[in-house]
Amino acid sequence: MFSFFKSSPKGYKDSDAATFYEGLKAKDAVLIDVRSAGEFQSGKLKGARNIDIMSANFQQQIANLPKDKTYYVYCRSGNRSGQACALMAKAGFENLHNLAGGIMSWPYETV
């Protein structure tokens, strides 16, 4: 009864900046910035690849990524990257980390 109140698992982890930073040191870590190209150019995390979640071909671009890697995804505030992680989880990705608070919460160096 009331099973409709149960939420299904998100399929990704929300990580604080310190956890996210440590995770990026892993050999199989892939860093993805899902902000617009303009936002990406204004400052990004070192080593990030830009795949704009608002672009018409976002789904196509993530479909081409290997599913055996661990993905660290961020945006400005953590909202769009959370949406991107949800889409990626739905597409079969299992190792996903969303930067909670986005780049605004990032105390480390940006480039």
Protein backbone atom coordinates (compact mmCIF):
# COMPACT_ATOMS: atom_id res chain seq x y z
CA MET A 1 0.00 0.00 0.00
CA PHE A 2 1.24 3.54 -0.74
CA SER A 3 4.06 2.16 -2.86
CA PHE A 4 3.68 5.18 -5.14
CA PHE A 5 5.43 7.24 -2.42
CA LYS A 6 8.60 5.22 -2.80
CA SER A 7 11.16 6.92 -4.97
CA SER A 8 13.38 4.92 -7.23
CA PRO A 9 17.13 5.26 -6.71
CA LYS A 10 18.69 8.24 -8.47
CA GLY A 11 21.42 6.24 -10.17
CA TYR A 12 24.12 8.73 -9.23
CA LYS A 13 25.78 10.21 -6.16
CA ASP A 14 25.77 13.85 -5.11
CA SER A 15 29.30 14.59 -3.92
CA ASP A 16 30.64 17.56 -2.01
CA ALA A 17 33.65 19.39 -3.46
CA ALA A 18 36.24 17.50 -1.37
CA THR A 19 34.87 14.06 -2.32
CA PHE A 20 34.53 15.12 -5.97
CA TYR A 21 38.12 16.45 -5.98
CA GLU A 22 39.50 13.21 -4.54
CA GLY A 23 37.51 11.12 -7.01
CA LEU A 24 39.01 13.00 -9.96
CA LYS A 25 42.39 11.49 -9.09
CA ALA A 26 41.21 8.00 -10.11
CA LYS A 27 42.64 6.52 -13.28
CA ASP A 28 39.21 5.98 -14.90
CA ALA A 29 37.74 9.38 -13.92
CA VAL A 30 36.17 11.48 -16.69
CA LEU A 31 35.22 15.09 -15.92
CA ILE A 32 32.25 16.57 -17.78
CA ASP A 33 31.03 20.18 -17.66
CA VAL A 34 27.40 20.35 -18.84
CA ARG A 35 27.21 24.16 -18.97
CA SER A 36 26.97 26.21 -22.16
CA ALA A 37 30.08 26.84 -24.26
CA GLY A 38 30.14 30.46 -23.05
CA GLU A 39 30.03 29.42 -19.39
CA PHE A 40 32.71 26.79 -20.09
CA GLN A 41 35.01 29.41 -21.64
CA SER A 42 34.59 31.73 -18.65
CA GLY A 43 36.23 29.22 -16.29
CA LYS A 44 36.25 25.47 -15.84
CA LEU A 45 37.76 22.67 -13.82
CA LYS A 46 41.09 21.52 -15.25
CA GLY A 47 40.66 18.57 -17.62
CA ALA A 48 36.91 19.04 -18.12
CA ARG A 49 35.18 18.12 -21.34
CA ASN A 50 32.23 20.34 -22.31
CA ILE A 51 28.98 18.58 -23.26
CA ASP A 52 26.17 21.15 -22.99
CA ILE A 53 23.05 19.52 -21.55
CA MET A 54 20.92 22.11 -23.36
CA SER A 55 22.31 21.19 -26.79
CA ALA A 56 20.05 19.28 -29.15
CA ASN A 57 22.55 16.42 -29.42
CA PHE A 58 23.34 15.91 -25.70
CA GLN A 59 21.83 12.39 -25.69
CA GLN A 60 23.80 11.48 -28.82
CA GLN A 61 27.05 12.76 -27.33
CA ILE A 62 26.67 10.79 -24.10
CA ALA A 63 25.70 7.68 -26.07
CA ASN A 64 29.21 7.74 -27.55
CA LEU A 65 30.92 7.68 -24.14
CA PRO A 66 32.30 4.42 -22.72
CA LYS A 67 30.11 3.11 -19.92
CA ASP A 68 32.99 1.51 -17.99
CA LYS A 69 34.41 4.85 -16.77
CA THR A 70 33.54 6.87 -13.67
CA TYR A 71 31.98 10.21 -14.59
CA TYR A 72 32.23 13.39 -12.56
CA VAL A 73 29.67 15.88 -13.81
CA TYR A 74 29.25 19.52 -12.87
CA CYS A 75 27.52 22.75 -13.87
CA ARG A 76 27.12 26.15 -12.21
CA SER A 77 24.92 25.14 -9.26
CA GLY A 78 24.50 21.36 -9.43
CA ASN A 79 21.02 21.42 -10.97
CA ARG A 80 21.81 20.80 -14.66
CA SER A 81 24.54 18.32 -13.74
CA GLY A 82 22.03 16.41 -11.61
CA GLN A 83 19.70 16.28 -14.61
CA ALA A 84 22.59 15.14 -16.81
CA CYS A 85 23.50 12.39 -14.32
CA ALA A 86 19.88 11.22 -14.29
CA LEU A 87 19.84 11.05 -18.10
CA MET A 88 23.16 9.21 -18.12
CA ALA A 89 21.93 6.72 -15.49
CA LYS A 90 18.85 6.10 -17.62
CA ALA A 91 21.19 5.45 -20.59
CA GLY A 92 23.01 2.72 -18.66
CA PHE A 93 25.90 4.55 -16.96
CA GLU A 94 26.55 3.26 -13.45
CA ASN A 95 29.40 5.30 -11.97
CA LEU A 96 28.15 8.88 -11.83
CA HIS A 97 28.98 11.70 -9.45
CA ASN A 98 27.26 15.08 -9.42
CA LEU A 99 29.12 18.03 -7.88
CA ALA A 100 26.63 19.25 -5.25
CA GLY A 101 26.55 23.03 -5.38
CA GLY A 102 28.25 23.07 -8.77
CA ILE A 103 31.30 25.09 -9.67
CA MET A 104 30.03 27.86 -7.36
CA SER A 105 30.91 25.58 -4.43
CA TRP A 106 34.34 24.63 -5.83
CA PRO A 107 37.12 25.91 -3.50
CA TYR A 108 39.95 24.58 -5.69
CA GLU A 109 41.66 26.00 -8.74
CA THR A 110 39.81 26.62 -11.99
CA VAL A 111 41.31 27.38 -15.39
